C-alpha atoms as a PDB file:
ATOM      1  CA  VAL A   1      70.985 123.311 129.717  1.00  0.00           C
ATOM      2  CA  GLN A   2      68.684 120.310 129.554  1.00  0.00           C
ATOM      3  CA  LEU A   3      68.785 117.008 131.412  1.00  0.00           C
ATOM      4  CA  GLN A   4      66.369 114.463 129.991  1.00  0.00           C
ATOM      5  CA  ALA A   5      65.755 111.510 132.291  1.00  0.00           C
ATOM      6  CA  SER A   6      64.092 108.334 131.057  1.00  0.00           C
ATOM      7  CA  GLY A   7      63.829 104.625 131.752  1.00  0.00           C
ATOM      8  CA  GLY A   8      61.483 104.516 134.700  1.00  0.00           C
ATOM      9  CA  GLY A   9      58.637 102.061 134.947  1.00  0.00           C
ATOM     10  CA  LEU A  10      56.948  99.332 136.930  1.00  0.00           C
ATOM     11  CA  VAL A  11      59.028  96.356 138.015  1.00  0.00           C
ATOM     12  CA  GLN A  12      58.668  93.539 140.500  1.00  0.00           C
ATOM     13  CA  ALA A  13      60.834  93.323 143.589  1.00  0.00           C
ATOM     14  CA  GLY A  14      64.194  91.830 142.717  1.00  0.00           C
ATOM     15  CA  GLY A  15      64.050  93.153 139.175  1.00  0.00           C
ATOM     16  CA  SER A  16      66.223  95.651 137.344  1.00  0.00           C
ATOM     17  CA  LEU A  17      65.878  98.933 135.512  1.00  0.00           C
ATOM     18  CA  ARG A  18      68.339 101.256 133.818  1.00  0.00           C
ATOM     19  CA  LEU A  19      67.714 104.968 133.946  1.00  0.00           C
ATOM     20  CA  SER A  20      69.271 107.313 131.417  1.00  0.00           C
ATOM     21  CA  CYS A  21      69.988 111.018 131.630  1.00  0.00           C
ATOM     22  CA  ALA A  22      70.815 112.682 128.327  1.00  0.00           C
ATOM     23  CA  ALA A  23      72.489 116.051 128.799  1.00  0.00           C
ATOM     24  CA  SER A  24      72.642 119.008 126.453  1.00  0.00           C
ATOM     25  CA  GLY A  25      74.263 122.360 127.092  1.00  0.00           C
ATOM     26  CA  LEU A  26      76.811 120.898 129.494  1.00  0.00           C
ATOM     27  CA  SER A  27      79.362 118.111 129.420  1.00  0.00           C
ATOM     28  CA  VAL A  28      78.851 115.158 131.761  1.00  0.00           C
ATOM     29  CA  ARG A  29      82.604 114.734 131.620  1.00  0.00           C
ATOM     30  CA  VAL A  30      83.146 118.120 133.278  1.00  0.00           C
ATOM     31  CA  TYR A  31      80.281 118.239 135.761  1.00  0.00           C
ATOM     32  CA  THR A  32      79.518 115.959 138.660  1.00  0.00           C
ATOM     33  CA  MET A  33      76.368 114.114 137.677  1.00  0.00           C
ATOM     34  CA  GLY A  34      74.003 112.873 140.336  1.00  0.00           C
ATOM     35  CA  TRP A  35      70.842 110.884 140.781  1.00  0.00           C
ATOM     36  CA  PHE A  36      68.338 111.747 143.493  1.00  0.00           C
ATOM     37  CA  ARG A  37      64.933 110.355 144.327  1.00  0.00           C
ATOM     38  CA  GLN A  38      61.824 111.541 146.057  1.00  0.00           C
ATOM     39  CA  ALA A  39      59.154 109.253 147.422  1.00  0.00           C
ATOM     40  CA  PRO A  40      55.643 110.544 148.219  1.00  0.00           C
ATOM     41  CA  GLY A  41      55.650 112.563 151.407  1.00  0.00           C
ATOM     42  CA  LYS A  42      59.422 112.438 151.756  1.00  0.00           C
ATOM     43  CA  GLU A  43      62.268 114.800 151.041  1.00  0.00           C
ATOM     44  CA  ARG A  44      64.461 114.429 147.993  1.00  0.00           C
ATOM     45  CA  GLU A  45      67.412 112.213 148.835  1.00  0.00           C
ATOM     46  CA  PHE A  46      70.770 111.470 147.299  1.00  0.00           C
ATOM     47  CA  VAL A  47      71.179 108.160 145.464  1.00  0.00           C
ATOM     48  CA  ALA A  48      74.394 108.205 143.427  1.00  0.00           C
ATOM     49  CA  ALA A  49      76.908 110.556 141.825  1.00  0.00           C
ATOM     50  CA  GLY A  50      79.953 110.358 139.610  1.00  0.00           C
ATOM     51  CA  ASN A  51      82.695 112.642 138.300  1.00  0.00           C
ATOM     52  CA  ARG A  52      86.104 112.828 136.663  1.00  0.00           C
ATOM     53  CA  THR A  53      88.070 110.338 134.662  1.00  0.00           C
ATOM     54  CA  PRO A  54      88.887 107.821 136.134  1.00  0.00           C
ATOM     55  CA  PHE A  55      85.308 107.817 137.152  1.00  0.00           C
ATOM     56  CA  ASN A  56      84.755 108.463 140.843  1.00  0.00           C
ATOM     57  CA  THR A  57      81.483 107.175 142.176  1.00  0.00           C
ATOM     58  CA  TYR A  58      79.488 107.832 145.322  1.00  0.00           C
ATOM     59  CA  TYR A  59      76.460 105.945 146.611  1.00  0.00           C
ATOM     60  CA  SER A  60      74.046 106.243 149.462  1.00  0.00           C
ATOM     61  CA  ASP A  61      74.150 103.359 151.910  1.00  0.00           C
ATOM     62  CA  SER A  62      70.653 102.300 150.877  1.00  0.00           C
ATOM     63  CA  VAL A  63      71.667 101.542 147.278  1.00  0.00           C
ATOM     64  CA  LYS A  64      75.355 100.684 147.541  1.00  0.00           C
ATOM     65  CA  GLY A  65      76.032  97.294 146.001  1.00  0.00           C
ATOM     66  CA  ARG A  66      72.766  97.306 144.042  1.00  0.00           C
ATOM     67  CA  PHE A  67      72.946 100.461 141.909  1.00  0.00           C
ATOM     68  CA  THR A  68      75.711 101.521 139.536  1.00  0.00           C
ATOM     69  CA  ILE A  69      76.225 104.946 137.992  1.00  0.00           C
ATOM     70  CA  SER A  70      78.093 105.216 134.723  1.00  0.00           C
ATOM     71  CA  GLU A  71      78.525 107.625 131.862  1.00  0.00           C
ATOM     72  CA  ASP A  72      79.003 107.572 128.114  1.00  0.00           C
ATOM     73  CA  ASN A  73      80.981 110.665 127.180  1.00  0.00           C
ATOM     74  CA  ALA A  74      80.364 110.165 123.475  1.00  0.00           C
ATOM     75  CA  LYS A  75      76.605 110.270 124.055  1.00  0.00           C
ATOM     76  CA  ASN A  76      76.886 112.843 126.860  1.00  0.00           C
ATOM     77  CA  THR A  77      74.623 110.572 128.876  1.00  0.00           C
ATOM     78  CA  VAL A  78      74.664 109.266 132.427  1.00  0.00           C
ATOM     79  CA  TYR A  79      73.078 105.982 133.459  1.00  0.00           C
ATOM     80  CA  LEU A  80      71.852 104.469 136.680  1.00  0.00           C
ATOM     81  CA  GLN A  81      71.687 100.685 136.586  1.00  0.00           C
ATOM     82  CA  MET A  82      69.395  99.495 139.357  1.00  0.00           C
ATOM     83  CA  ASN A  83      69.479  95.836 140.332  1.00  0.00           C
ATOM     84  CA  GLY A  84      67.816  94.002 143.178  1.00  0.00           C
ATOM     85  CA  LEU A  85      65.060  96.580 143.357  1.00  0.00           C
ATOM     86  CA  LYS A  86      62.989  96.782 146.520  1.00  0.00           C
ATOM     87  CA  PRO A  87      59.560  98.320 147.150  1.00  0.00           C
ATOM     88  CA  GLU A  88      61.283 101.047 149.199  1.00  0.00           C
ATOM     89  CA  ASP A  89      63.108 102.129 146.027  1.00  0.00           C
ATOM     90  CA  THR A  90      59.782 103.385 144.661  1.00  0.00           C
ATOM     91  CA  ALA A  91      60.154 107.099 143.922  1.00  0.00           C
ATOM     92  CA  VAL A  92      60.538 109.713 141.240  1.00  0.00           C
ATOM     93  CA  TYR A  93      64.179 109.679 140.193  1.00  0.00           C
ATOM     94  CA  TYR A  94      65.891 112.878 139.110  1.00  0.00           C
ATOM     95  CA  CYS A  95      69.211 113.405 137.431  1.00  0.00           C
ATOM     96  CA  ALA A  96      71.120 116.548 138.262  1.00  0.00           C
ATOM     97  CA  ALA A  97      74.426 118.276 137.613  1.00  0.00           C
ATOM     98  CA  THR A  98      76.751 120.362 139.723  1.00  0.00           C
ATOM     99  CA  PRO A  99      80.046 122.089 138.939  1.00  0.00           C
ATOM    100  CA  THR A 100      81.280 120.928 142.362  1.00  0.00           C
ATOM    101  CA  ILE A 101      83.921 118.231 141.987  1.00  0.00           C
ATOM    102  CA  TYR A 102      84.144 115.857 144.932  1.00  0.00           C
ATOM    103  CA  ILE A 103      87.464 114.437 145.988  1.00  0.00           C
ATOM    104  CA  ARG A 104      87.646 110.675 145.785  1.00  0.00           C
ATOM    105  CA  SER A 105      87.219 110.230 149.547  1.00  0.00           C
ATOM    106  CA  TYR A 106      84.279 112.615 149.834  1.00  0.00           C
ATOM    107  CA  PRO A 107      81.636 111.048 152.111  1.00  0.00           C
ATOM    108  CA  PRO A 108      78.385 110.406 150.222  1.00  0.00           C
ATOM    109  CA  SER A 109      76.431 111.289 153.365  1.00  0.00           C
ATOM    110  CA  ARG A 110      77.417 114.926 152.796  1.00  0.00           C
ATOM    111  CA  ILE A 111      75.959 115.120 149.279  1.00  0.00           C
ATOM    112  CA  THR A 112      72.757 117.151 149.223  1.00  0.00           C
ATOM    113  CA  PRO A 113      70.436 118.427 146.490  1.00  0.00           C
ATOM    114  CA  ASP A 114      71.252 122.043 147.399  1.00  0.00           C
ATOM    115  CA  GLU A 115      74.608 122.029 145.602  1.00  0.00           C
ATOM    116  CA  TYR A 116      73.146 120.855 142.283  1.00  0.00           C
ATOM    117  CA  THR A 117      72.451 123.632 139.803  1.00  0.00           C
ATOM    118  CA  HIS A 118      70.711 121.801 136.958  1.00  0.00           C
ATOM    119  CA  TRP A 119      67.874 119.295 137.222  1.00  0.00           C
ATOM    120  CA  GLY A 120      66.011 116.965 134.906  1.00  0.00           C
ATOM    121  CA  GLN A 121      62.265 116.431 134.977  1.00  0.00           C
ATOM    122  CA  GLY A 122      62.201 113.114 136.840  1.00  0.00           C
ATOM    123  CA  THR A 123      61.177 109.591 135.920  1.00  0.00           C
ATOM    124  CA  LEU A 124      58.929 107.388 138.049  1.00  0.00           C
ATOM    125  CA  VAL A 125      60.149 104.025 139.319  1.00  0.00           C
ATOM    126  CA  THR A 126      57.578 101.767 140.938  1.00  0.00           C
ATOM    127  CA  VAL A 127      58.638  98.500 142.544  1.00  0.00           C
ATOM    128  CA  SER A 128      55.865  96.063 143.429  1.00  0.00           C
ATOM    129  CA  SER A 129      56.209  93.478 146.167  1.00  0.00           C
END
């Protein structure tokens, strides 16, 4: 299994970036796909996740309304569209996969990195003020 994350970079506050996570060896349609981030000196934290068709999505409070997770089943790729970026969004972003399927009403605050079994290498997002 490989998860290849890309799309990070340097952007000014208020700008946008789209991260991609190309998967091989597993189907993004079957797994729950998640995005996490880790800022220097901080623990890895949940950002967004999605599963099933229709596509159920889950967001942390800090990104809800600004970030959107989506998937392209034909390309077996998951995306994270990030709009209205803030300096506090600066971190290494990781995509990950878990066989756990959340129910639609599952509280995002309960999503942790521990339940994810496959991880990508990370892509750096830097937001300047």
